[in-house]
């Protein structure tokens, strides 16, 4: 199957504190499995959490290897062969934006798969 031609852009925090739009690497995107928008397949939702819309989340980083590993882990968790992960950890940036402290690669997989929201715990 041919990779999608549309570009996926997302918000990221630069080291100087500015929030910028980044384009998702198409080579990485082509290697990822699409994940159904059902957080209960991938996350342990037993602890208190909120479903935060993806457009309110800002990535702190994007590591190619981490994104690919997160995708494999999420696929395995959905099949029941690996433990589900805890919700993402986020901290407020103000203006209804949240910085992802833990779970950046997981968030990029959700973005790639077209999810609307993702489970988060506020720090």
C-alpha atoms as a PDB file:
ATOM      1  CA  UNK A   1       0.000   0.000   0.000  1.00  0.00           C
ATOM      2  CA  UNK A   2       1.272   3.466  -0.897  1.00  0.00           C
ATOM      3  CA  UNK A   3       2.015   5.894   1.943  1.00  0.00           C
ATOM      4  CA  UNK A   4      -0.333   8.851   2.247  1.00  0.00           C
ATOM      5  CA  UNK A   5       0.763  11.925   0.374  1.00  0.00           C
ATOM      6  CA  UNK A   6      -0.821  14.403   2.771  1.00  0.00           C
ATOM      7  CA  UNK A   7       1.529  16.093   5.183  1.00  0.00           C
ATOM      8  CA  UNK A   8       1.029  15.773   8.922  1.00  0.00           C
ATOM      9  CA  UNK A   9       2.053  18.843  10.887  1.00  0.00           C
ATOM     10  CA  UNK A  10       2.193  19.084  14.656  1.00  0.00           C
ATOM     11  CA  UNK A  11       3.204  21.539  17.375  1.00  0.00           C
ATOM     12  CA  UNK A  12       6.590  21.164  19.050  1.00  0.00           C
ATOM     13  CA  UNK A  13       8.516  23.152  21.630  1.00  0.00           C
ATOM     14  CA  UNK A  14      11.875  24.574  20.532  1.00  0.00           C
ATOM     15  CA  UNK A  15      14.732  24.847  23.061  1.00  0.00           C
ATOM     16  CA  UNK A  16      14.165  28.625  23.201  1.00  0.00           C
ATOM     17  CA  UNK A  17      10.579  28.041  24.377  1.00  0.00           C
ATOM     18  CA  UNK A  18       8.853  28.935  21.104  1.00  0.00           C
ATOM     19  CA  UNK A  19       6.080  26.645  19.833  1.00  0.00           C
ATOM     20  CA  UNK A  20       6.586  25.797  16.156  1.00  0.00           C
ATOM     21  CA  UNK A  21       4.888  23.626  13.542  1.00  0.00           C
ATOM     22  CA  UNK A  22       6.922  20.581  12.473  1.00  0.00           C
ATOM     23  CA  UNK A  23       6.222  18.278   9.539  1.00  0.00           C
ATOM     24  CA  UNK A  24       6.073  14.581  10.410  1.00  0.00           C
ATOM     25  CA  UNK A  25       8.798  12.600   8.621  1.00  0.00           C
ATOM     26  CA  UNK A  26       7.078  10.783   5.732  1.00  0.00           C
ATOM     27  CA  UNK A  27       9.601   7.904   5.697  1.00  0.00           C
ATOM     28  CA  UNK A  28       8.856   7.150   9.340  1.00  0.00           C
ATOM     29  CA  UNK A  29       5.110   7.557   8.743  1.00  0.00           C
ATOM     30  CA  UNK A  30       5.216   5.005   5.922  1.00  0.00           C
ATOM     31  CA  UNK A  31       6.683   2.383   8.289  1.00  0.00           C
ATOM     32  CA  UNK A  32       4.023   2.756  11.005  1.00  0.00           C
ATOM     33  CA  UNK A  33       0.912   0.648  11.480  1.00  0.00           C
ATOM     34  CA  UNK A  34      -2.312   2.674  11.694  1.00  0.00           C
ATOM     35  CA  UNK A  35      -3.782   2.357  15.177  1.00  0.00           C
ATOM     36  CA  UNK A  36      -7.564   2.401  15.705  1.00  0.00           C
ATOM     37  CA  UNK A  37      -8.742   5.386  17.784  1.00  0.00           C
ATOM     38  CA  UNK A  38      -9.538   3.368  20.929  1.00  0.00           C
ATOM     39  CA  UNK A  39      -7.169   4.345  23.769  1.00  0.00           C
ATOM     40  CA  UNK A  40      -8.373   1.417  25.908  1.00  0.00           C
ATOM     41  CA  UNK A  41      -6.480  -0.913  23.540  1.00  0.00           C
ATOM     42  CA  UNK A  42      -3.125   0.685  24.370  1.00  0.00           C
ATOM     43  CA  UNK A  43      -3.433   2.407  27.764  1.00  0.00           C
ATOM     44  CA  UNK A  44      -3.962   1.269  31.342  1.00  0.00           C
ATOM     45  CA  UNK A  45      -6.862   3.573  32.199  1.00  0.00           C
ATOM     46  CA  UNK A  46      -7.262   2.442  35.823  1.00  0.00           C
ATOM     47  CA  UNK A  47      -5.679   5.628  37.246  1.00  0.00           C
ATOM     48  CA  UNK A  48      -7.312   9.091  37.062  1.00  0.00           C
ATOM     49  CA  UNK A  49      -6.717  10.734  33.678  1.00  0.00           C
ATOM     50  CA  UNK A  50      -8.257  13.143  31.179  1.00  0.00           C
ATOM     51  CA  UNK A  51      -8.767  12.701  27.445  1.00  0.00           C
ATOM     52  CA  UNK A  52      -6.973  15.697  25.934  1.00  0.00           C
ATOM     53  CA  UNK A  53      -7.609  16.714  22.310  1.00  0.00           C
ATOM     54  CA  UNK A  54      -4.449  16.225  20.228  1.00  0.00           C
ATOM     55  CA  UNK A  55      -4.525  19.826  18.987  1.00  0.00           C
ATOM     56  CA  UNK A  56      -3.922  20.988  22.594  1.00  0.00           C
ATOM     57  CA  UNK A  57      -0.753  18.879  22.977  1.00  0.00           C
ATOM     58  CA  UNK A  58       2.766  20.090  22.173  1.00  0.00           C
ATOM     59  CA  UNK A  59       5.562  17.590  21.592  1.00  0.00           C
ATOM     60  CA  UNK A  60       8.775  18.148  23.571  1.00  0.00           C
ATOM     61  CA  UNK A  61      10.749  15.985  21.123  1.00  0.00           C
ATOM     62  CA  UNK A  62      10.500  13.467  18.302  1.00  0.00           C
ATOM     63  CA  UNK A  63      12.963  10.577  18.131  1.00  0.00           C
ATOM     64  CA  UNK A  64      12.729   8.339  15.065  1.00  0.00           C
ATOM     65  CA  UNK A  65      13.604   5.152  16.937  1.00  0.00           C
ATOM     66  CA  UNK A  66      11.211   6.003  19.756  1.00  0.00           C
ATOM     67  CA  UNK A  67       8.321   6.562  17.338  1.00  0.00           C
ATOM     68  CA  UNK A  68       8.871   3.198  15.641  1.00  0.00           C
ATOM     69  CA  UNK A  69       9.300   1.388  18.991  1.00  0.00           C
ATOM     70  CA  UNK A  70       6.151   3.018  20.389  1.00  0.00           C
ATOM     71  CA  UNK A  71       4.195   1.841  17.351  1.00  0.00           C
ATOM     72  CA  UNK A  72       5.372  -1.759  17.848  1.00  0.00           C
ATOM     73  CA  UNK A  73       4.588  -1.583  21.561  1.00  0.00           C
ATOM     74  CA  UNK A  74       1.095  -0.200  20.925  1.00  0.00           C
ATOM     75  CA  UNK A  75       0.311  -2.914  18.359  1.00  0.00           C
ATOM     76  CA  UNK A  76       1.504  -5.591  20.813  1.00  0.00           C
ATOM     77  CA  UNK A  77      -0.477  -4.052  23.705  1.00  0.00           C
ATOM     78  CA  UNK A  78      -3.643  -4.053  21.587  1.00  0.00           C
ATOM     79  CA  UNK A  79      -3.093  -7.784  20.911  1.00  0.00           C
ATOM     80  CA  UNK A  80      -2.538  -8.440  24.636  1.00  0.00           C
ATOM     81  CA  UNK A  81       1.063  -9.603  24.225  1.00  0.00           C
ATOM     82  CA  UNK A  82       2.606  -6.585  26.018  1.00  0.00           C
ATOM     83  CA  UNK A  83       1.472  -4.474  28.970  1.00  0.00           C
ATOM     84  CA  UNK A  84      -0.495  -1.347  28.242  1.00  0.00           C
ATOM     85  CA  UNK A  85       1.269   1.936  29.003  1.00  0.00           C
ATOM     86  CA  UNK A  86       0.194   4.573  31.492  1.00  0.00           C
ATOM     87  CA  UNK A  87      -1.441   7.747  30.115  1.00  0.00           C
ATOM     88  CA  UNK A  88       0.884  10.458  28.807  1.00  0.00           C
ATOM     89  CA  UNK A  89       2.321  12.869  31.381  1.00  0.00           C
ATOM     90  CA  UNK A  90       1.741  16.516  30.502  1.00  0.00           C
ATOM     91  CA  UNK A  91       2.299  19.923  32.085  1.00  0.00           C
ATOM     92  CA  UNK A  92       0.471  23.149  31.363  1.00  0.00           C
ATOM     93  CA  UNK A  93       1.927  25.671  28.927  1.00  0.00           C
ATOM     94  CA  UNK A  94      -1.062  27.990  29.426  1.00  0.00           C
ATOM     95  CA  UNK A  95      -3.605  28.965  26.755  1.00  0.00           C
ATOM     96  CA  UNK A  96      -5.129  25.454  26.939  1.00  0.00           C
ATOM     97  CA  UNK A  97      -1.864  23.917  25.634  1.00  0.00           C
ATOM     98  CA  UNK A  98      -0.067  21.027  27.301  1.00  0.00           C
ATOM     99  CA  UNK A  99       3.586  20.020  26.930  1.00  0.00           C
ATOM    100  CA  UNK A 100       4.135  16.257  26.713  1.00  0.00           C
ATOM    101  CA  UNK A 101       6.700  15.335  29.374  1.00  0.00           C
ATOM    102  CA  UNK A 102       6.399  11.555  28.870  1.00  0.00           C
ATOM    103  CA  UNK A 103       4.845   9.881  25.837  1.00  0.00           C
ATOM    104  CA  UNK A 104       6.041  11.991  22.909  1.00  0.00           C
ATOM    105  CA  UNK A 105       6.473   8.989  20.598  1.00  0.00           C
ATOM    106  CA  UNK A 106       3.103   7.584  21.616  1.00  0.00           C
ATOM    107  CA  UNK A 107       1.500  10.949  20.844  1.00  0.00           C
ATOM    108  CA  UNK A 108       3.098  11.030  17.384  1.00  0.00           C
ATOM    109  CA  UNK A 109       1.641   7.588  16.681  1.00  0.00           C
ATOM    110  CA  UNK A 110      -1.788   8.839  17.719  1.00  0.00           C
ATOM    111  CA  UNK A 111      -1.364  11.888  15.473  1.00  0.00           C
ATOM    112  CA  UNK A 112      -0.304   9.680  12.566  1.00  0.00           C
ATOM    113  CA  UNK A 113      -3.351   7.463  13.098  1.00  0.00           C
ATOM    114  CA  UNK A 114      -5.788  10.394  13.176  1.00  0.00           C
ATOM    115  CA  UNK A 115      -6.919  10.134  16.796  1.00  0.00           C
ATOM    116  CA  UNK A 116      -9.009  12.945  18.266  1.00  0.00           C
ATOM    117  CA  UNK A 117      -7.817  12.729  21.912  1.00  0.00           C
ATOM    118  CA  UNK A 118      -5.399  10.781  24.100  1.00  0.00           C
ATOM    119  CA  UNK A 119      -5.363   9.890  27.851  1.00  0.00           C
ATOM    120  CA  UNK A 120      -3.155  12.228  29.908  1.00  0.00           C
ATOM    121  CA  UNK A 121      -2.187  12.797  33.531  1.00  0.00           C
ATOM    122  CA  UNK A 122      -1.378  16.359  34.524  1.00  0.00           C
ATOM    123  CA  UNK A 123       1.886  17.086  36.328  1.00  0.00           C
END
